[in-house]
Protein backbone atom coordinates (compact mmCIF):
# COMPACT_ATOMS: atom_id res chain seq x y z
CA MET A 1 -0.24 -0.32 -0.03
CA LYS A 2 1.47 3.68 -0.83
CA TYR A 3 0.35 5.33 2.43
CA LYS A 4 1.17 3.79 5.55
CA GLU A 5 0.20 6.55 7.75
CA ILE A 6 -0.79 10.20 7.23
CA SER A 7 -2.05 12.57 9.12
CA HIS A 8 -5.84 13.84 8.71
CA TRP A 9 -7.54 17.37 9.51
CA SER A 10 -10.58 14.94 11.31
CA HIS A 11 -8.18 14.24 13.58
CA PRO A 12 -5.58 16.41 14.07
CA HIS A 13 -3.60 15.27 17.43
CA GLN A 14 -2.27 11.85 16.14
CA GLY A 15 -1.51 10.44 12.85
CA LEU A 16 -3.65 7.62 11.15
CA LYS A 17 -2.13 4.14 10.32
CA PHE A 18 -3.41 1.97 7.45
CA GLY A 19 -4.46 -1.50 8.48
CA TYR A 20 -7.16 -4.00 7.75
CA ALA A 21 -10.05 -4.53 10.01
CA GLU A 22 -11.59 -7.88 10.22
CA ALA A 23 -14.02 -6.25 12.37
CA PRO A 24 -17.17 -3.93 11.20
CA PHE A 25 -16.50 -0.64 12.26
CA LYS A 26 -18.57 2.98 11.82
CA CYS A 27 -16.06 5.59 9.98
CA ASP A 28 -16.12 8.71 11.57
CA GLY A 29 -16.02 10.36 8.59
CA CYS A 30 -18.36 9.38 6.24
CA LYS A 31 -20.68 7.71 9.44
CA GLU A 32 -21.49 4.57 7.24
CA VAL A 33 -20.21 1.22 8.03
CA GLY A 34 -16.88 -0.35 6.87
CA ILE A 35 -14.60 -3.30 7.02
CA GLY A 36 -11.54 -4.04 5.31
CA SER A 37 -8.69 -1.43 4.40
CA SER A 38 -8.83 1.87 6.77
CA TYR A 39 -7.14 4.20 8.53
CA LYS A 40 -7.50 3.97 11.86
CA CYS A 41 -5.81 6.03 15.14
CA ASP A 42 -3.63 3.53 16.89
CA GLY A 43 -4.08 5.09 20.38
CA ALA A 44 -5.09 3.13 22.95
CA ALA A 45 -8.12 5.24 24.32
CA CYS A 46 -9.25 6.29 20.73
CA ASP A 47 -11.56 4.56 18.50
CA PHE A 48 -11.28 6.78 15.40
CA ASP A 49 -11.30 4.72 12.14
CA LEU A 50 -11.87 6.04 8.86
CA HIS A 51 -12.59 4.40 5.32
CA SER A 52 -9.49 5.15 2.81
CA HIS A 53 -11.90 6.78 0.18
CA CYS A 54 -12.72 8.98 3.61
CA ALA A 55 -8.95 9.16 4.67
CA ILE A 56 -7.65 10.40 1.14
CA PRO A 57 -10.50 11.95 -0.73
CA SER A 58 -10.48 13.38 -3.96
CA PRO A 59 -11.52 17.16 -3.78
CA THR A 60 -13.35 17.17 -7.07
CA LEU A 61 -14.91 14.06 -8.89
CA VAL A 62 -16.14 13.59 -11.77
CA HIS A 63 -19.00 10.16 -12.75
CA PRO A 64 -20.15 8.70 -15.46
CA PHE A 65 -23.93 8.91 -14.51
CA TYR A 66 -23.39 12.79 -13.95
CA PRO A 67 -21.26 13.82 -17.04
CA LYS A 68 -22.54 17.40 -16.33
CA CYS A 69 -22.13 17.66 -12.46
CA ALA A 70 -19.01 18.94 -10.90
CA PHE A 71 -18.54 16.89 -7.20
CA GLN A 72 -16.92 18.72 -4.57
CA PHE A 73 -15.93 16.83 -1.39
CA LEU A 74 -17.46 18.47 1.88
CA ARG A 75 -16.99 17.33 5.20
CA ARG A 76 -20.44 17.68 5.60
CA PRO A 77 -23.67 17.91 3.88
CA PRO A 78 -24.73 21.45 2.82
CA GLY A 79 -27.67 23.05 4.38
CA THR A 80 -30.17 22.19 7.39
CA GLU A 81 -32.18 19.65 5.30
CA ALA A 82 -32.05 15.78 5.30
CA ARG A 83 -30.04 14.96 2.29
CA CYS A 84 -29.67 10.95 0.87
CA CYS A 85 -27.02 9.50 -1.38
CA ASN A 86 -28.35 8.97 -4.77
CA ALA A 87 -26.59 5.73 -5.17
CA CYS A 88 -28.02 4.08 -2.15
CA GLU A 89 -30.80 6.14 -1.16
CA ARG A 90 -29.34 6.10 2.69
CA ARG A 91 -29.03 9.27 4.57
CA VAL A 92 -25.72 11.47 4.52
CA THR A 93 -24.55 12.38 7.71
CA GLY A 94 -20.50 13.14 7.64
CA PHE A 95 -18.77 13.41 4.68
CA VAL A 96 -20.20 13.58 1.31
CA TYR A 97 -19.59 14.46 -2.53
CA HIS A 98 -21.86 17.21 -3.42
CA CYS A 99 -23.02 19.33 -6.80
CA LYS A 100 -24.09 22.20 -6.15
CA LEU A 101 -25.32 23.32 -9.74
CA CYS A 102 -27.64 19.83 -9.34
CA GLY A 103 -27.83 18.90 -5.77
CA PHE A 104 -27.08 15.55 -6.35
CA ASP A 105 -24.97 13.82 -3.10
CA LEU A 106 -22.52 10.82 -2.94
CA HIS A 107 -20.97 8.80 0.41
CA PRO A 108 -17.59 8.67 -0.80
CA CYS A 109 -17.43 4.41 -0.92
CA CYS A 110 -20.99 5.15 -3.25
CA ALA A 111 -18.98 7.28 -5.28
CA LYS A 112 -15.95 5.21 -5.96
CA LEU A 113 -17.87 2.03 -6.67
CA PRO A 114 -16.14 0.39 -9.91
CA MET A 115 -18.48 0.69 -13.18
CA LEU A 116 -17.42 -2.88 -14.01
CA HIS A 117 -16.19 -6.11 -12.00
CA HIS A 118 -15.07 -8.82 -13.98
CA ASP A 119 -13.43 -12.39 -13.16
CA ALA A 120 -13.40 -15.79 -14.55
CA ASP A 121 -16.61 -16.47 -13.01
CA ILE A 122 -19.07 -13.46 -13.36
CA LYS A 123 -19.33 -9.88 -15.24
CA LEU A 124 -21.11 -7.11 -13.45
CA PHE A 125 -22.13 -3.78 -14.53
CA LEU A 126 -23.01 -0.65 -12.45
CA TYR A 127 -26.28 1.27 -14.04
CA ALA A 128 -27.94 4.23 -12.63
CA LYS A 129 -31.40 2.35 -13.02
CA VAL A 130 -32.44 -0.91 -13.96
CA THR A 131 -35.69 -2.31 -15.30
CA ALA A 132 -35.53 -5.83 -14.07
CA PRO A 133 -36.14 -6.42 -10.43
CA CYS A 134 -33.77 -6.62 -8.14
CA HIS A 135 -32.81 -10.24 -6.72
CA ARG A 136 -33.02 -9.23 -2.98
CA CYS A 137 -36.10 -7.11 -2.98
CA GLY A 138 -38.00 -7.96 -6.46
CA ARG A 139 -38.91 -4.76 -7.35
CA LYS A 140 -37.97 -2.29 -10.20
CA GLY A 141 -36.19 0.64 -9.93
CA ARG A 142 -35.08 2.48 -6.96
CA SER A 143 -31.33 2.98 -6.55
CA TRP A 144 -27.88 2.00 -8.82
CA SER A 145 -27.70 -1.23 -9.24
CA TYR A 146 -25.00 -4.10 -10.44
CA ARG A 147 -26.60 -6.00 -12.93
CA SER A 148 -24.54 -9.14 -14.78
CA SER A 149 -23.91 -9.45 -18.32
CA CYS A 150 -26.21 -12.18 -18.55
CA LYS A 151 -28.74 -9.71 -17.32
CA LYS A 152 -30.16 -12.27 -15.29
CA TYR A 153 -28.90 -10.98 -12.26
CA ASN A 154 -29.63 -7.75 -10.52
CA LEU A 155 -28.73 -6.57 -6.94
CA HIS A 156 -29.92 -2.95 -5.64
CA VAL A 157 -26.72 -0.75 -4.11
CA ALA A 158 -29.85 0.40 -1.52
CA CYS A 159 -30.87 -3.24 -0.93
CA VAL A 160 -27.17 -4.44 -0.16
CA MET A 161 -26.62 -1.49 2.10
CA ASP A 162 -30.01 -2.34 3.89
CA MET A 163 -28.69 -6.49 4.28
CA LEU A 164 -25.68 -5.05 6.25
CA VAL A 165 -27.35 -2.03 8.25
CA ASP A 166 -29.84 -4.85 9.52
CA SER A 167 -27.12 -6.93 10.38
CA TRP A 168 -24.78 -4.43 12.18
CA HIS A 169 -27.46 -2.34 13.55
CA GLU A 170 -25.39 -3.02 16.95
CA LEU A 171 -22.54 -1.04 15.23
CA TYR A 172 -24.81 1.82 14.37
CA ASN A 173 -26.48 2.43 17.86
CA GLY A 174 -23.13 3.22 18.89
CA ASN A 175 -22.60 -0.31 20.95
CA GLY A 176 -19.40 -1.20 19.05
CA GLY A 177 -18.33 -3.88 16.63
CA GLY A 178 -16.33 -6.87 16.80
CA GLY A 179 -16.95 -10.60 16.51
CA GLY A 180 -15.91 -10.79 12.93
CA VAL A 181 -17.82 -12.89 10.55
CA GLN A 182 -20.47 -13.42 13.75
CA GLN A 183 -21.31 -9.91 13.13
CA ILE A 184 -23.05 -10.29 10.11
CA PRO A 185 -25.73 -12.54 10.72
CA SER A 186 -28.37 -11.32 7.55
CA LEU A 187 -25.57 -11.71 5.45
CA LYS A 188 -25.35 -15.31 5.64
CA ALA A 189 -28.81 -16.19 6.21
CA THR A 190 -29.04 -14.59 2.89
CA LEU A 191 -26.48 -16.94 1.29
CA GLU A 192 -27.63 -19.76 3.05
CA THR A 193 -31.45 -19.44 1.78
CA HIS A 194 -30.13 -18.99 -1.97
CA VAL A 195 -27.92 -22.33 -1.38
CA ASN A 196 -30.76 -24.46 0.46
CA HIS A 197 -33.32 -23.51 -2.70
CA THR A 198 -30.81 -24.47 -5.15
CA LYS A 199 -30.62 -28.15 -3.38
CA THR A 200 -33.60 -29.20 -4.82
CA LYS A 201 -33.85 -27.57 -8.05
CA GLY A 202 -30.85 -29.23 -9.82
CA GLY A 203 -27.09 -27.98 -11.16
CA LYS A 204 -28.40 -24.87 -13.30
CA ALA A 205 -30.58 -23.25 -10.67
CA LYS A 206 -27.05 -24.05 -8.52
CA LYS A 207 -25.35 -22.66 -10.73
CA CYS A 208 -27.42 -19.30 -10.34
CA CYS A 209 -27.41 -19.86 -6.67
CA GLU A 210 -23.18 -19.37 -7.20
CA MET A 211 -23.35 -16.65 -9.24
CA ALA A 212 -25.32 -15.12 -7.45
CA ALA A 213 -23.13 -15.13 -4.36
CA LEU A 214 -20.64 -14.15 -6.20
CA ALA A 215 -22.48 -11.04 -6.62
CA LEU A 216 -23.57 -10.48 -3.95
CA GLN A 217 -19.71 -10.91 -2.55
CA PHE A 218 -18.73 -8.24 -4.84
CA VAL A 219 -20.82 -6.18 -4.07
CA VAL A 220 -20.82 -6.37 -0.39
CA SER A 221 -16.85 -5.68 -0.87
CA ALA A 222 -17.16 -2.71 -3.14
CA ILE A 223 -19.57 -1.08 -0.95
CA LEU A 224 -17.52 -1.71 2.22
CA GLY A 225 -14.45 -1.06 0.80
CA ASP A 226 -12.41 -4.52 0.22
CA PRO A 227 -13.39 -7.59 2.59
CA THR A 228 -12.72 -9.96 -0.27
CA THR A 229 -10.74 -12.32 2.22
CA LEU A 230 -13.29 -12.01 4.54
CA ILE A 231 -16.73 -12.21 2.41
CA ALA A 232 -15.25 -15.06 0.18
CA GLY A 233 -14.09 -16.73 3.20
CA LEU A 234 -17.97 -17.00 4.20
CA ILE A 235 -19.47 -17.73 0.96
CA ALA A 236 -16.88 -20.66 0.72
CA SER A 237 -18.04 -22.14 3.90
CA PHE A 238 -21.94 -21.93 2.89
CA MET A 239 -21.04 -23.24 -1.05
CA SER A 240 -19.57 -26.53 0.40
CA LYS A 241 -22.16 -27.50 2.58
């Protein structure tokens, strides 16, 4: 990693060290959940964490979905009215990319979501909106979505965020994190549902399940940072049952 330790204006009294968080944390910048790569204060009495995207943000941003917009990084959302991220539909309460001209807002991690994920098993494209139903909620439209190249599998970014927040409600209530994989019951339940459903449906459905799990793995990884090893291990354990 290029950056090992940084100084940050949001935490001026002590530097932040780059590391890999295996347990969920609440980012002190954007106020959203995180896991994996992060910058953390290693002070004994300090519990300060930042996503990598929040620790080293770009001052300005141009997004392919909004080519006429000029997003600026802000420490807090502008104005006094509640604002929501245009990608995931969740409230914006901390660091944000904001376009003054159109009023759009993006969480730093949402702003940096990859437009394409491609490996040997699956290719996923990010869309501002798809007309096909989401694999998780069954609804169309809503937030940004990842769609497979075969056009049979869709996941709303908002649905994945809802699932993670449901799983980590204690973290959002300020009760702390910890516990690693045991802290992700909703993710586990979702994947187990996919696996159990396909056990009676034959090879084609099983392949669809595996594609769904791979897609879910990637979207979770993209939203939270890069917990590839953690999430991949969790999925592998379900697929082996």
